[in-house]
């Protein structure tokens, strides 16, 4: 929590106001970074309600490559309903496949990244394989930012890219979050 609170103080003191797609101005500091040692505990934000069941449900839906808000809801996560069914731009998107459809969001990219030959890449399975067989690699990366599919998504990925790295037998994960 200490790092989070320090980041909030930095944003309030040094941030700049930005307009965005939601119409709500945002105070931001681009490139801010926080580091967490998971051996010291899980870095949960405790200054506000943490909907842990919803977080777990969302991650499970991602790992299942779900593209339907109904799948997320069934796992206890309702945060995708608005993107699927209330976002006016998405409702008019020609790629939308009907009610509750989100398009090829996070998990679809993680588990079924499309290849030019029509096949797919399971990036999560590849991460597990590489961690087992080649843990010294600096190429153990998962990307959700598939430029060819962005216009087909109800919401472009916020946590767009993450990289795993093993040093001295300890696993590290670096996450890039655009928003």
N, C-alpha and C. Protein backbone atom coordinates (compact mmCIF):
# COMPACT_ATOMS: atom_id res chain seq x y z
N UNK A 1 0.81 -1.20 0.00
CA UNK A 1 0.00 0.00 0.00
C UNK A 1 0.85 1.26 0.00
N UNK A 2 2.02 1.18 0.62
CA UNK A 2 2.88 2.35 0.72
C UNK A 2 3.26 2.87 -0.67
N UNK A 3 3.62 1.96 -1.58
CA UNK A 3 3.99 2.37 -2.93
C UNK A 3 2.79 3.00 -3.66
N UNK A 4 1.64 2.39 -3.49
CA UNK A 4 0.43 2.90 -4.12
C UNK A 4 0.12 4.31 -3.62
N UNK A 5 0.20 4.50 -2.31
CA UNK A 5 -0.08 5.82 -1.73
C UNK A 5 0.95 6.85 -2.19
N UNK A 6 2.21 6.43 -2.32
CA UNK A 6 3.24 7.35 -2.83
C UNK A 6 2.96 7.73 -4.28
N UNK A 7 2.50 6.75 -5.08
CA UNK A 7 2.15 7.04 -6.47
C UNK A 7 0.99 8.03 -6.54
N UNK A 8 -0.01 7.85 -5.70
CA UNK A 8 -1.14 8.78 -5.68
C UNK A 8 -0.65 10.20 -5.34
N UNK A 9 0.23 10.31 -4.36
CA UNK A 9 0.79 11.61 -3.99
C UNK A 9 1.54 12.23 -5.17
N UNK A 10 2.31 11.42 -5.89
CA UNK A 10 3.05 11.90 -7.06
C UNK A 10 2.10 12.38 -8.15
N UNK A 11 1.06 11.60 -8.41
CA UNK A 11 0.08 11.98 -9.43
C UNK A 11 -0.60 13.30 -9.05
N UNK A 12 -0.99 13.42 -7.80
CA UNK A 12 -1.65 14.66 -7.36
C UNK A 12 -0.72 15.86 -7.44
N UNK A 13 0.57 15.67 -7.14
CA UNK A 13 1.53 16.78 -7.13
C UNK A 13 2.07 17.11 -8.51
N UNK A 14 2.26 16.10 -9.36
CA UNK A 14 2.96 16.31 -10.62
C UNK A 14 2.15 15.95 -11.87
N UNK A 15 0.98 15.38 -11.68
CA UNK A 15 0.19 14.92 -12.82
C UNK A 15 -0.31 16.04 -13.71
N UNK A 16 -0.65 15.66 -14.93
CA UNK A 16 -1.26 16.61 -15.87
C UNK A 16 -2.65 16.10 -16.23
N UNK A 17 -3.56 17.04 -16.46
CA UNK A 17 -4.93 16.68 -16.82
C UNK A 17 -5.00 16.30 -18.29
N UNK A 18 -5.69 15.22 -18.59
CA UNK A 18 -5.86 14.73 -19.95
C UNK A 18 -7.34 14.46 -20.21
N UNK A 19 -7.80 14.80 -21.42
CA UNK A 19 -9.15 14.41 -21.82
C UNK A 19 -9.06 12.98 -22.35
N UNK A 20 -10.17 12.24 -22.26
CA UNK A 20 -10.16 10.86 -22.77
C UNK A 20 -11.50 10.49 -23.36
N UNK A 21 -11.62 9.25 -23.84
CA UNK A 21 -12.81 8.77 -24.54
C UNK A 21 -14.06 8.78 -23.68
N UNK A 22 -13.90 8.73 -22.35
CA UNK A 22 -15.06 8.67 -21.45
C UNK A 22 -15.66 10.04 -21.19
N UNK A 23 -14.93 11.09 -21.54
CA UNK A 23 -15.40 12.44 -21.27
C UNK A 23 -15.07 12.91 -19.86
N UNK A 24 -14.44 12.05 -19.08
CA UNK A 24 -14.03 12.41 -17.72
C UNK A 24 -12.54 12.67 -17.74
N UNK A 25 -12.15 13.90 -17.40
CA UNK A 25 -10.72 14.25 -17.43
C UNK A 25 -9.96 13.40 -16.43
N UNK A 26 -8.73 13.05 -16.77
CA UNK A 26 -7.91 12.17 -15.95
C UNK A 26 -6.61 12.85 -15.60
N UNK A 27 -6.21 12.76 -14.36
CA UNK A 27 -4.93 13.25 -13.89
C UNK A 27 -3.94 12.10 -14.02
N UNK A 28 -2.84 12.32 -14.77
CA UNK A 28 -1.94 11.19 -15.03
C UNK A 28 -0.47 11.58 -14.99
N UNK A 29 0.35 10.57 -14.74
CA UNK A 29 1.80 10.67 -14.81
C UNK A 29 2.26 9.50 -15.68
N UNK A 30 2.58 9.73 -16.94
CA UNK A 30 2.98 8.61 -17.80
C UNK A 30 4.30 7.99 -17.35
N UNK A 31 4.36 6.67 -17.47
CA UNK A 31 5.58 5.95 -17.17
C UNK A 31 5.84 5.70 -15.70
N UNK A 32 4.87 5.98 -14.85
CA UNK A 32 5.06 5.71 -13.41
C UNK A 32 5.24 4.22 -13.21
N UNK A 33 6.01 3.86 -12.18
CA UNK A 33 6.31 2.45 -11.96
C UNK A 33 6.23 2.11 -10.48
N UNK A 34 5.75 0.89 -10.21
CA UNK A 34 5.77 0.34 -8.86
C UNK A 34 6.35 -1.07 -8.94
N UNK A 35 7.08 -1.47 -7.91
CA UNK A 35 7.65 -2.82 -7.83
C UNK A 35 7.15 -3.48 -6.56
N UNK A 36 6.82 -4.77 -6.67
CA UNK A 36 6.33 -5.52 -5.53
C UNK A 36 7.10 -6.83 -5.40
N UNK A 37 7.52 -7.15 -4.21
CA UNK A 37 8.14 -8.42 -3.90
C UNK A 37 7.05 -9.30 -3.31
N UNK A 38 6.59 -10.29 -4.07
CA UNK A 38 5.48 -11.12 -3.62
C UNK A 38 5.86 -11.98 -2.41
N UNK A 39 7.15 -12.13 -2.15
CA UNK A 39 7.57 -12.82 -0.93
C UNK A 39 7.16 -12.01 0.30
N UNK A 40 6.92 -10.72 0.12
CA UNK A 40 6.51 -9.84 1.22
C UNK A 40 4.99 -9.75 1.35
N UNK A 41 4.26 -10.39 0.45
CA UNK A 41 2.81 -10.37 0.50
C UNK A 41 2.20 -9.95 -0.82
N UNK A 42 0.89 -10.12 -0.93
CA UNK A 42 0.15 -9.80 -2.15
C UNK A 42 -0.15 -8.30 -2.18
N UNK A 43 0.14 -7.62 -3.29
CA UNK A 43 -0.01 -6.15 -3.35
C UNK A 43 -1.44 -5.70 -3.62
N UNK A 44 -2.34 -5.98 -2.72
CA UNK A 44 -3.73 -5.56 -2.89
C UNK A 44 -3.92 -4.14 -2.38
N UNK A 45 -4.73 -3.38 -3.10
CA UNK A 45 -5.08 -2.04 -2.66
C UNK A 45 -6.10 -2.19 -1.53
N UNK A 46 -5.78 -1.66 -0.37
CA UNK A 46 -6.67 -1.82 0.79
C UNK A 46 -7.34 -0.52 1.21
N UNK A 47 -7.12 0.55 0.45
CA UNK A 47 -7.75 1.83 0.79
C UNK A 47 -9.17 1.93 0.22
N UNK A 48 -9.58 0.92 -0.52
CA UNK A 48 -10.93 0.88 -1.05
C UNK A 48 -11.36 -0.59 -1.12
N UNK A 49 -12.64 -0.81 -1.39
CA UNK A 49 -13.17 -2.16 -1.47
C UNK A 49 -12.46 -2.94 -2.57
N UNK A 50 -12.00 -4.13 -2.28
CA UNK A 50 -11.38 -5.00 -3.27
C UNK A 50 -12.37 -6.12 -3.57
N UNK A 51 -12.91 -6.12 -4.77
CA UNK A 51 -13.87 -7.14 -5.18
C UNK A 51 -13.09 -8.37 -5.64
N UNK A 52 -12.53 -9.08 -4.68
CA UNK A 52 -11.59 -10.17 -4.98
C UNK A 52 -12.25 -11.27 -5.83
N UNK A 53 -13.48 -11.63 -5.52
CA UNK A 53 -14.18 -12.66 -6.31
C UNK A 53 -14.30 -12.23 -7.77
N UNK A 54 -14.57 -10.96 -7.99
CA UNK A 54 -14.68 -10.43 -9.35
C UNK A 54 -13.33 -10.48 -10.07
N UNK A 55 -12.26 -10.15 -9.34
CA UNK A 55 -10.91 -10.20 -9.92
C UNK A 55 -10.57 -11.62 -10.34
N UNK A 56 -10.83 -12.58 -9.46
CA UNK A 56 -10.54 -13.99 -9.76
C UNK A 56 -11.38 -14.45 -10.95
N UNK A 57 -12.66 -14.08 -10.96
CA UNK A 57 -13.53 -14.45 -12.07
C UNK A 57 -13.05 -13.88 -13.39
N UNK A 58 -12.62 -12.63 -13.37
CA UNK A 58 -12.13 -11.99 -14.59
C UNK A 58 -10.88 -12.72 -15.10
N UNK A 59 -9.94 -13.01 -14.20
CA UNK A 59 -8.72 -13.71 -14.63
C UNK A 59 -9.04 -15.11 -15.15
N UNK A 60 -9.98 -15.80 -14.51
CA UNK A 60 -10.37 -17.12 -15.01
C UNK A 60 -10.98 -17.01 -16.41
N UNK A 61 -11.82 -16.01 -16.62
CA UNK A 61 -12.41 -15.81 -17.95
C UNK A 61 -11.33 -15.50 -18.99
N UNK A 62 -10.35 -14.69 -18.61
CA UNK A 62 -9.24 -14.41 -19.52
C UNK A 62 -8.52 -15.71 -19.88
N UNK A 63 -8.21 -16.52 -18.87
CA UNK A 63 -7.46 -17.76 -19.11
C UNK A 63 -8.28 -18.77 -19.92
N UNK A 64 -9.58 -18.62 -19.92
CA UNK A 64 -10.46 -19.47 -20.73
C UNK A 64 -10.70 -18.88 -22.12
N UNK A 65 -10.07 -17.76 -22.41
CA UNK A 65 -10.20 -17.08 -23.71
C UNK A 65 -11.64 -16.63 -23.99
N UNK A 66 -12.34 -16.23 -22.95
CA UNK A 66 -13.74 -15.81 -23.09
C UNK A 66 -13.84 -14.48 -23.83
N UNK A 67 -14.87 -14.39 -24.66
CA UNK A 67 -15.16 -13.13 -25.34
C UNK A 67 -16.60 -12.71 -25.10
N UNK A 68 -17.25 -13.38 -24.15
CA UNK A 68 -18.64 -13.08 -23.84
C UNK A 68 -18.77 -12.57 -22.41
N UNK A 69 -19.48 -11.45 -22.25
CA UNK A 69 -19.72 -10.92 -20.91
C UNK A 69 -20.50 -11.93 -20.07
N UNK A 70 -21.28 -12.79 -20.70
CA UNK A 70 -22.02 -13.83 -19.96
C UNK A 70 -21.05 -14.79 -19.26
N UNK A 71 -19.94 -15.12 -19.92
CA UNK A 71 -18.93 -16.00 -19.30
C UNK A 71 -18.32 -15.32 -18.08
N UNK A 72 -18.04 -14.03 -18.20
CA UNK A 72 -17.48 -13.28 -17.07
C UNK A 72 -18.49 -13.25 -15.91
N UNK A 73 -19.77 -12.96 -16.23
CA UNK A 73 -20.81 -12.90 -15.20
C UNK A 73 -20.94 -14.24 -14.47
N UNK A 74 -20.89 -15.33 -15.22
CA UNK A 74 -21.02 -16.66 -14.63
C UNK A 74 -19.90 -16.95 -13.63
N UNK A 75 -18.78 -16.25 -13.78
CA UNK A 75 -17.64 -16.41 -12.88
C UNK A 75 -17.60 -15.34 -11.79
N UNK A 76 -18.67 -14.55 -11.68
CA UNK A 76 -18.78 -13.56 -10.62
C UNK A 76 -18.21 -12.20 -10.96
N UNK A 77 -17.98 -11.94 -12.24
CA UNK A 77 -17.39 -10.68 -12.68
C UNK A 77 -18.37 -9.96 -13.61
N UNK A 78 -18.91 -8.82 -13.14
CA UNK A 78 -19.90 -8.08 -13.93
C UNK A 78 -19.32 -6.84 -14.58
N UNK A 79 -18.03 -6.59 -14.41
CA UNK A 79 -17.45 -5.34 -14.91
C UNK A 79 -17.45 -5.25 -16.43
N UNK A 80 -17.58 -6.36 -17.13
CA UNK A 80 -17.56 -6.33 -18.60
C UNK A 80 -18.93 -6.08 -19.21
N UNK A 81 -19.99 -6.12 -18.40
CA UNK A 81 -21.33 -5.90 -18.94
C UNK A 81 -21.45 -4.56 -19.65
N UNK A 82 -20.92 -3.50 -19.04
CA UNK A 82 -21.04 -2.17 -19.64
C UNK A 82 -20.34 -2.12 -20.99
N UNK A 83 -19.13 -2.73 -21.08
CA UNK A 83 -18.41 -2.71 -22.35
C UNK A 83 -19.16 -3.49 -23.43
N UNK A 84 -19.81 -4.57 -23.04
CA UNK A 84 -20.50 -5.41 -24.03
C UNK A 84 -21.85 -4.84 -24.45
N UNK A 85 -22.59 -4.28 -23.51
CA UNK A 85 -23.99 -3.99 -23.79
C UNK A 85 -24.43 -2.55 -23.62
N UNK A 86 -23.55 -1.67 -23.12
CA UNK A 86 -23.95 -0.28 -22.93
C UNK A 86 -23.06 0.71 -23.68
N UNK A 87 -21.95 0.24 -24.23
CA UNK A 87 -21.02 1.10 -24.95
C UNK A 87 -21.58 1.36 -26.35
N UNK A 88 -22.06 2.55 -26.58
CA UNK A 88 -22.73 2.88 -27.84
C UNK A 88 -21.85 2.63 -29.06
N UNK A 89 -20.56 2.97 -28.96
CA UNK A 89 -19.68 2.73 -30.10
C UNK A 89 -19.56 1.24 -30.39
N UNK A 90 -19.45 0.44 -29.33
CA UNK A 90 -19.31 -1.01 -29.53
C UNK A 90 -20.59 -1.62 -30.05
N UNK A 91 -21.75 -1.13 -29.59
CA UNK A 91 -23.03 -1.67 -30.05
C UNK A 91 -23.18 -1.49 -31.56
N UNK A 92 -22.59 -0.44 -32.10
CA UNK A 92 -22.68 -0.17 -33.54
C UNK A 92 -21.52 -0.78 -34.33
N UNK A 93 -20.58 -1.45 -33.65
CA UNK A 93 -19.42 -2.01 -34.33
C UNK A 93 -19.83 -3.19 -35.20
N UNK A 94 -19.45 -3.19 -36.49
CA UNK A 94 -19.85 -4.29 -37.38
C UNK A 94 -19.23 -5.63 -37.01
N UNK A 95 -18.19 -5.64 -36.18
CA UNK A 95 -17.56 -6.90 -35.78
C UNK A 95 -18.28 -7.56 -34.61
N UNK A 96 -19.16 -6.82 -33.94
CA UNK A 96 -19.85 -7.35 -32.77
C UNK A 96 -20.71 -8.53 -33.19
N UNK A 97 -20.61 -9.63 -32.44
CA UNK A 97 -21.31 -10.86 -32.81
C UNK A 97 -22.60 -11.08 -32.04
N UNK A 98 -23.16 -10.03 -31.45
CA UNK A 98 -24.43 -10.17 -30.76
C UNK A 98 -24.34 -9.80 -29.30
N UNK A 99 -25.45 -10.02 -28.56
CA UNK A 99 -25.49 -9.64 -27.15
C UNK A 99 -24.34 -10.28 -26.36
N UNK A 100 -23.80 -9.53 -25.45
CA UNK A 100 -22.73 -9.96 -24.55
C UNK A 100 -21.37 -10.12 -25.24
N UNK A 101 -21.30 -9.98 -26.55
CA UNK A 101 -20.01 -10.16 -27.22
C UNK A 101 -19.06 -9.01 -26.90
N UNK A 102 -17.82 -9.35 -26.64
CA UNK A 102 -16.77 -8.36 -26.34
C UNK A 102 -15.72 -8.28 -27.44
N UNK A 103 -15.77 -9.18 -28.39
CA UNK A 103 -14.73 -9.25 -29.39
C UNK A 103 -13.51 -10.00 -28.85
N UNK A 104 -12.42 -9.98 -29.58
CA UNK A 104 -11.22 -10.75 -29.19
C UNK A 104 -10.38 -10.04 -28.12
N UNK A 105 -10.98 -9.87 -26.93
CA UNK A 105 -10.31 -9.18 -25.82
C UNK A 105 -9.22 -10.06 -25.20
N UNK A 106 -8.62 -9.55 -24.14
CA UNK A 106 -7.45 -10.14 -23.48
C UNK A 106 -7.23 -11.64 -23.68
N UNK A 107 -8.12 -12.43 -23.10
CA UNK A 107 -7.92 -13.87 -23.09
C UNK A 107 -7.87 -14.48 -24.47
N UNK A 108 -8.65 -13.92 -25.39
CA UNK A 108 -8.61 -14.43 -26.77
C UNK A 108 -7.20 -14.23 -27.33
N UNK A 109 -6.62 -13.06 -27.08
CA UNK A 109 -5.26 -12.80 -27.55
C UNK A 109 -4.25 -13.67 -26.81
N UNK A 110 -4.44 -13.84 -25.50
CA UNK A 110 -3.51 -14.65 -24.72
C UNK A 110 -3.51 -16.11 -25.17
N UNK A 111 -4.71 -16.66 -25.44
CA UNK A 111 -4.84 -18.10 -25.68
C UNK A 111 -5.01 -18.46 -27.15
N UNK A 112 -5.44 -17.50 -27.99
CA UNK A 112 -5.74 -17.80 -29.40
C UNK A 112 -5.26 -16.70 -30.33
N UNK A 113 -4.02 -16.23 -30.14
CA UNK A 113 -3.49 -15.18 -31.02
C UNK A 113 -3.51 -15.70 -32.46
N UNK A 114 -4.17 -15.00 -33.36
CA UNK A 114 -4.28 -15.50 -34.73
C UNK A 114 -2.96 -15.42 -35.51
N UNK A 115 -2.68 -16.51 -36.23
CA UNK A 115 -1.51 -16.56 -37.10
C UNK A 115 -1.96 -16.31 -38.54
N UNK A 116 -1.07 -15.82 -39.39
CA UNK A 116 -1.46 -15.55 -40.79
C UNK A 116 -1.96 -16.80 -41.54
N UNK A 117 -1.49 -17.98 -41.12
CA UNK A 117 -1.89 -19.21 -41.81
C UNK A 117 -3.23 -19.75 -41.34
N UNK A 118 -3.91 -19.02 -40.43
CA UNK A 118 -5.20 -19.46 -39.92
C UNK A 118 -5.10 -20.20 -38.59
N UNK A 119 -3.90 -20.54 -38.17
CA UNK A 119 -3.72 -21.19 -36.88
C UNK A 119 -3.74 -20.17 -35.75
N UNK A 120 -3.47 -20.65 -34.56
CA UNK A 120 -3.48 -19.79 -33.38
C UNK A 120 -2.31 -20.13 -32.47
N UNK A 121 -1.89 -19.13 -31.68
CA UNK A 121 -0.81 -19.32 -30.71
C UNK A 121 -1.40 -19.18 -29.32
N UNK A 122 -1.12 -20.15 -28.46
CA UNK A 122 -1.52 -20.09 -27.06
C UNK A 122 -0.34 -19.51 -26.29
N UNK A 123 -0.36 -18.20 -26.06
CA UNK A 123 0.76 -17.53 -25.41
C UNK A 123 0.96 -18.00 -23.97
N UNK A 124 -0.12 -18.31 -23.27
CA UNK A 124 0.00 -18.76 -21.88
C UNK A 124 0.67 -20.13 -21.83
N UNK A 125 0.27 -21.03 -22.69
CA UNK A 125 0.92 -22.35 -22.74
C UNK A 125 2.39 -22.20 -23.10
N UNK A 126 2.70 -21.27 -23.98
CA UNK A 126 4.10 -21.03 -24.37
C UNK A 126 4.91 -20.48 -23.20
N UNK A 127 4.31 -19.62 -22.39
CA UNK A 127 4.99 -19.10 -21.19
C UNK A 127 5.34 -20.25 -20.25
N UNK A 128 4.36 -21.11 -19.99
CA UNK A 128 4.60 -22.25 -19.09
C UNK A 128 5.70 -23.14 -19.65
N UNK A 129 5.65 -23.42 -20.94
CA UNK A 129 6.68 -24.26 -21.57
C UNK A 129 8.06 -23.62 -21.43
N UNK A 130 8.15 -22.33 -21.73
CA UNK A 130 9.45 -21.65 -21.66
C UNK A 130 9.98 -21.57 -20.23
N UNK A 131 9.10 -21.34 -19.26
CA UNK A 131 9.55 -21.29 -17.87
C UNK A 131 10.10 -22.64 -17.42
N UNK A 132 9.54 -23.72 -17.97
CA UNK A 132 10.02 -25.06 -17.61
C UNK A 132 11.29 -25.44 -18.36
N UNK A 133 11.38 -25.06 -19.63
CA UNK A 133 12.49 -25.54 -20.47
C UNK A 133 13.59 -24.53 -20.72
N UNK A 134 13.28 -23.25 -20.63
CA UNK A 134 14.25 -22.21 -20.95
C UNK A 134 14.04 -20.99 -20.05
N UNK A 135 14.13 -21.17 -18.73
CA UNK A 135 13.79 -20.08 -17.81
C UNK A 135 14.71 -18.86 -17.90
N UNK A 136 15.88 -18.99 -18.52
CA UNK A 136 16.79 -17.86 -18.66
C UNK A 136 16.45 -16.94 -19.83
N UNK A 137 15.45 -17.34 -20.61
CA UNK A 137 15.06 -16.54 -21.77
C UNK A 137 14.51 -15.18 -21.35
N UNK A 138 14.83 -14.17 -22.14
CA UNK A 138 14.24 -12.84 -21.94
C UNK A 138 13.08 -12.62 -22.90
N UNK A 139 12.64 -13.71 -23.54
CA UNK A 139 11.57 -13.62 -24.53
C UNK A 139 10.26 -14.25 -24.04
N UNK A 140 10.11 -14.39 -22.74
CA UNK A 140 8.90 -15.00 -22.20
C UNK A 140 7.87 -13.88 -21.99
N UNK A 141 7.14 -13.60 -23.05
CA UNK A 141 6.29 -12.41 -23.14
C UNK A 141 4.89 -12.79 -23.59
N UNK A 142 3.90 -12.12 -23.02
CA UNK A 142 2.51 -12.25 -23.45
C UNK A 142 2.04 -10.85 -23.84
N UNK A 143 1.39 -10.76 -25.00
CA UNK A 143 0.86 -9.48 -25.46
C UNK A 143 -0.63 -9.62 -25.73
N UNK A 144 -1.38 -8.64 -25.30
CA UNK A 144 -2.80 -8.56 -25.64
C UNK A 144 -3.04 -7.48 -26.69
N UNK A 145 -1.98 -6.74 -27.02
CA UNK A 145 -2.09 -5.61 -27.95
C UNK A 145 -1.87 -6.09 -29.38
N UNK A 146 -2.92 -6.66 -29.96
CA UNK A 146 -2.88 -7.14 -31.34
C UNK A 146 -3.47 -6.04 -32.22
N UNK A 147 -2.60 -5.28 -32.85
CA UNK A 147 -3.02 -4.12 -33.63
C UNK A 147 -4.07 -4.48 -34.67
N UNK A 148 -3.97 -5.66 -35.27
CA UNK A 148 -4.92 -6.06 -36.30
C UNK A 148 -6.32 -6.29 -35.74
N UNK A 149 -6.45 -6.56 -34.43
CA UNK A 149 -7.75 -6.85 -33.83
C UNK A 149 -8.31 -5.73 -32.97
N UNK A 150 -7.59 -4.64 -32.78
CA UNK A 150 -8.04 -3.60 -31.86
C UNK A 150 -9.43 -3.07 -32.19
N UNK A 151 -9.73 -2.88 -33.47
CA UNK A 151 -11.04 -2.33 -33.83
C UNK A 151 -12.16 -3.35 -33.65
N UNK A 152 -11.82 -4.59 -33.36
CA UNK A 152 -12.81 -5.64 -33.15
C UNK A 152 -13.08 -5.88 -31.66
N UNK A 153 -12.43 -5.11 -30.78
CA UNK A 153 -12.56 -5.28 -29.33
C UNK A 153 -13.49 -4.24 -28.73
N UNK A 154 -14.31 -4.67 -27.76
CA UNK A 154 -15.18 -3.73 -27.06
C UNK A 154 -14.35 -2.73 -26.27
N UNK A 155 -13.19 -3.15 -25.78
CA UNK A 155 -12.28 -2.29 -25.04
C UNK A 155 -10.85 -2.70 -25.36
N UNK A 156 -10.05 -1.75 -25.79
CA UNK A 156 -8.65 -2.05 -26.06
C UNK A 156 -7.94 -2.40 -24.75
N UNK A 157 -6.97 -3.31 -24.79
CA UNK A 157 -6.33 -3.78 -23.55
C UNK A 157 -5.66 -2.67 -22.76
N UNK A 158 -5.91 -2.66 -21.45
CA UNK A 158 -5.20 -1.75 -20.53
C UNK A 158 -3.88 -2.39 -20.13
N UNK A 159 -3.95 -3.62 -19.59
CA UNK A 159 -2.70 -4.32 -19.29
C UNK A 159 -2.35 -5.07 -20.57
N UNK A 160 -1.51 -4.40 -21.36
CA UNK A 160 -1.30 -4.78 -22.74
C UNK A 160 -0.16 -5.78 -22.96
N UNK A 161 0.74 -5.89 -22.00
CA UNK A 161 1.98 -6.63 -22.27
C UNK A 161 2.58 -7.05 -20.93
N UNK A 162 3.00 -8.31 -20.81
CA UNK A 162 3.75 -8.69 -19.63
C UNK A 162 4.85 -9.67 -19.97
N UNK A 163 5.94 -9.58 -19.21
CA UNK A 163 7.14 -10.36 -19.46
C UNK A 163 7.55 -11.07 -18.17
N UNK A 164 7.89 -12.35 -18.32
CA UNK A 164 8.40 -13.12 -17.19
C UNK A 164 9.91 -13.25 -17.32
N UNK A 165 10.56 -13.31 -16.17
CA UNK A 165 12.02 -13.40 -16.13
C UNK A 165 12.40 -14.17 -14.87
N UNK A 166 13.36 -15.07 -14.99
CA UNK A 166 13.84 -15.83 -13.84
C UNK A 166 15.28 -15.44 -13.57
N UNK A 167 15.57 -15.04 -12.34
CA UNK A 167 16.93 -14.69 -11.92
C UNK A 167 17.16 -15.27 -10.53
N UNK A 168 18.26 -15.96 -10.36
CA UNK A 168 18.58 -16.59 -9.08
C UNK A 168 17.44 -17.49 -8.58
N UNK A 169 16.79 -18.16 -9.53
CA UNK A 169 15.72 -19.08 -9.17
C UNK A 169 14.42 -18.41 -8.76
N UNK A 170 14.33 -17.09 -8.90
CA UNK A 170 13.12 -16.36 -8.54
C UNK A 170 12.43 -15.83 -9.78
N UNK A 171 11.11 -16.02 -9.83
CA UNK A 171 10.31 -15.58 -10.96
C UNK A 171 9.92 -14.12 -10.79
N UNK A 172 10.10 -13.34 -11.83
CA UNK A 172 9.66 -11.94 -11.87
C UNK A 172 8.68 -11.78 -13.01
N UNK A 173 7.78 -10.83 -12.85
CA UNK A 173 6.85 -10.49 -13.92
C UNK A 173 6.77 -8.98 -14.02
N UNK A 174 6.99 -8.47 -15.20
CA UNK A 174 6.87 -7.03 -15.45
C UNK A 174 5.64 -6.82 -16.31
N UNK A 175 4.76 -5.94 -15.86
CA UNK A 175 3.50 -5.66 -16.55
C UNK A 175 3.53 -4.22 -17.08
N UNK A 176 3.15 -4.06 -18.34
CA UNK A 176 2.96 -2.72 -18.88
C UNK A 176 1.47 -2.49 -18.97
N UNK A 177 1.00 -1.45 -18.31
CA UNK A 177 -0.41 -1.10 -18.34
C UNK A 177 -0.54 0.30 -18.93
N UNK A 178 -1.30 0.40 -20.01
CA UNK A 178 -1.40 1.68 -20.72
C UNK A 178 -2.32 2.66 -20.01
N UNK A 179 -3.18 2.17 -19.14
CA UNK A 179 -4.14 3.07 -18.50
C UNK A 179 -4.53 2.55 -17.14
